[in-house]
Amino acid sequence: MSKKNVDQKGRFRNKIISFRVSEEEAKLLERRVLLSGLTKQDYIINSILGKEIVVYGNPFVFRSLHDELIHFANLYGTSIDSDDEEMMVWVLEMILAMRSKDKTIVKP
């Protein structure tokens, strides 16, 4: 029998919800999860429930930001697809918000 999964408020998470996504949607979701610093489960739950996604700067998040910026630099001079454009806006909003305070609230 598997270990009970309890969230921060002491609630048991015993319901499983699954869904299918395309390869492009999966990559975009993974990039957003890495930048948020949350677990994929917490990111999806917060997004679905319309909660704010608060990003706290830590080495993992900064490394993900670095990787995204390198990705954008490599795109310079090439055509940008809508997923990359969306991620670029999200990353820039996050960087600008991080300049002014220690936590960043980004739109899901």
Protein backbone atom coordinates (compact mmCIF):
# COMPACT_ATOMS: atom_id res chain seq x y z
CA MET A 1 0.00 0.00 0.00
CA SER A 2 1.34 3.43 -0.91
CA LYS A 3 2.07 6.18 1.55
CA LYS A 4 -0.74 8.71 2.15
CA ASN A 5 -0.15 12.02 0.37
CA VAL A 6 -0.90 14.98 2.64
CA ASP A 7 -0.79 18.61 1.50
CA GLN A 8 0.35 21.64 3.52
CA LYS A 9 -3.07 22.05 5.13
CA GLY A 10 -3.19 18.43 6.33
CA ARG A 11 -5.66 17.23 3.68
CA PHE A 12 -5.25 13.76 2.21
CA ARG A 13 -4.80 13.81 -1.54
CA ASN A 14 -6.22 10.48 -2.56
CA LYS A 15 -7.97 11.38 -5.84
CA ILE A 16 -6.10 10.89 -9.10
CA ILE A 17 -6.89 13.10 -12.06
CA SER A 18 -5.12 12.56 -15.36
CA PHE A 19 -5.36 14.17 -18.77
CA ARG A 20 -3.60 14.09 -22.11
CA VAL A 21 -1.56 16.87 -23.68
CA SER A 22 0.30 17.24 -26.96
CA GLU A 23 4.09 17.12 -27.09
CA GLU A 24 4.24 20.91 -27.48
CA GLU A 25 1.88 21.47 -24.52
CA ALA A 26 3.94 19.09 -22.38
CA LYS A 27 7.16 20.97 -23.17
CA LEU A 28 5.54 24.33 -22.41
CA LEU A 29 4.12 23.00 -19.14
CA GLU A 30 7.50 21.60 -18.12
CA ARG A 31 9.23 24.92 -18.86
CA ARG A 32 6.69 26.81 -16.76
CA VAL A 33 6.97 24.33 -13.90
CA LEU A 34 10.76 24.64 -13.86
CA LEU A 35 10.55 28.44 -13.78
CA SER A 36 7.97 28.46 -11.00
CA GLY A 37 10.04 26.36 -8.62
CA LEU A 38 6.91 24.39 -7.68
CA THR A 39 6.19 20.73 -8.17
CA LYS A 40 4.24 19.92 -11.31
CA GLN A 41 1.29 18.86 -9.15
CA ASP A 42 1.26 22.13 -7.19
CA TYR A 43 1.68 24.22 -10.35
CA ILE A 44 -1.23 22.50 -12.10
CA ILE A 45 -3.51 22.69 -9.04
CA ASN A 46 -2.74 26.40 -8.53
CA SER A 47 -3.30 27.11 -12.23
CA ILE A 48 -6.59 25.23 -12.42
CA LEU A 49 -7.95 26.81 -9.26
CA GLY A 50 -6.93 30.29 -10.44
CA LYS A 51 -4.55 30.85 -7.53
CA GLU A 52 -1.55 33.10 -7.82
CA ILE A 53 1.69 31.37 -8.59
CA VAL A 54 4.30 32.85 -6.28
CA VAL A 55 7.89 32.31 -7.32
CA TYR A 56 10.59 32.61 -4.68
CA GLY A 57 14.07 33.18 -6.01
CA ASN A 58 16.33 30.24 -5.28
CA PRO A 59 19.28 28.68 -7.12
CA PHE A 60 17.02 26.23 -8.97
CA VAL A 61 14.71 29.00 -10.25
CA PHE A 62 17.67 31.19 -11.22
CA ARG A 63 19.22 28.28 -13.13
CA SER A 64 15.92 27.74 -14.98
CA LEU A 65 15.79 31.46 -15.80
CA HIS A 66 19.37 31.27 -17.07
CA ASP A 67 18.51 28.31 -19.30
CA GLU A 68 15.46 30.13 -20.71
CA LEU A 69 17.50 33.24 -21.45
CA ILE A 70 20.13 31.13 -23.25
CA HIS A 71 17.30 29.52 -25.25
CA PHE A 72 15.99 32.98 -26.22
CA ALA A 73 19.47 34.17 -27.17
CA ASN A 74 19.81 31.17 -29.49
CA LEU A 75 16.51 32.15 -31.14
CA TYR A 76 17.83 35.62 -32.03
CA GLY A 77 17.46 36.21 -35.76
CA THR A 78 15.14 33.24 -36.29
CA SER A 79 11.37 33.07 -36.39
CA ILE A 80 9.75 32.69 -32.97
CA ASP A 81 6.74 30.41 -32.50
CA SER A 82 3.85 31.35 -30.23
CA ASP A 83 4.99 29.08 -27.36
CA ASP A 84 8.42 30.71 -27.27
CA GLU A 85 6.86 34.16 -27.48
CA GLU A 86 4.55 33.34 -24.56
CA MET A 87 7.46 32.02 -22.50
CA MET A 88 9.57 35.08 -23.33
CA VAL A 89 6.85 37.42 -22.02
CA TRP A 90 6.44 35.27 -18.90
CA VAL A 91 10.18 35.20 -18.19
CA LEU A 92 10.56 38.94 -18.71
CA GLU A 93 7.62 39.66 -16.38
CA MET A 94 9.23 37.42 -13.78
CA ILE A 95 12.64 39.10 -14.09
CA LEU A 96 11.14 42.59 -13.81
CA ALA A 97 9.12 41.58 -10.76
CA MET A 98 12.18 39.99 -9.12
CA ARG A 99 14.08 43.27 -9.36
CA SER A 100 11.66 44.95 -6.94
CA LYS A 101 10.95 42.32 -4.27
CA ASP A 102 11.93 38.91 -2.92
CA LYS A 103 8.88 37.02 -4.19
CA THR A 104 7.29 37.19 -7.60
CA ILE A 105 3.65 36.66 -8.48
CA VAL A 106 3.14 35.54 -12.05
CA LYS A 107 0.04 34.79 -14.03
CA PRO A 108 -0.54 31.09 -14.72
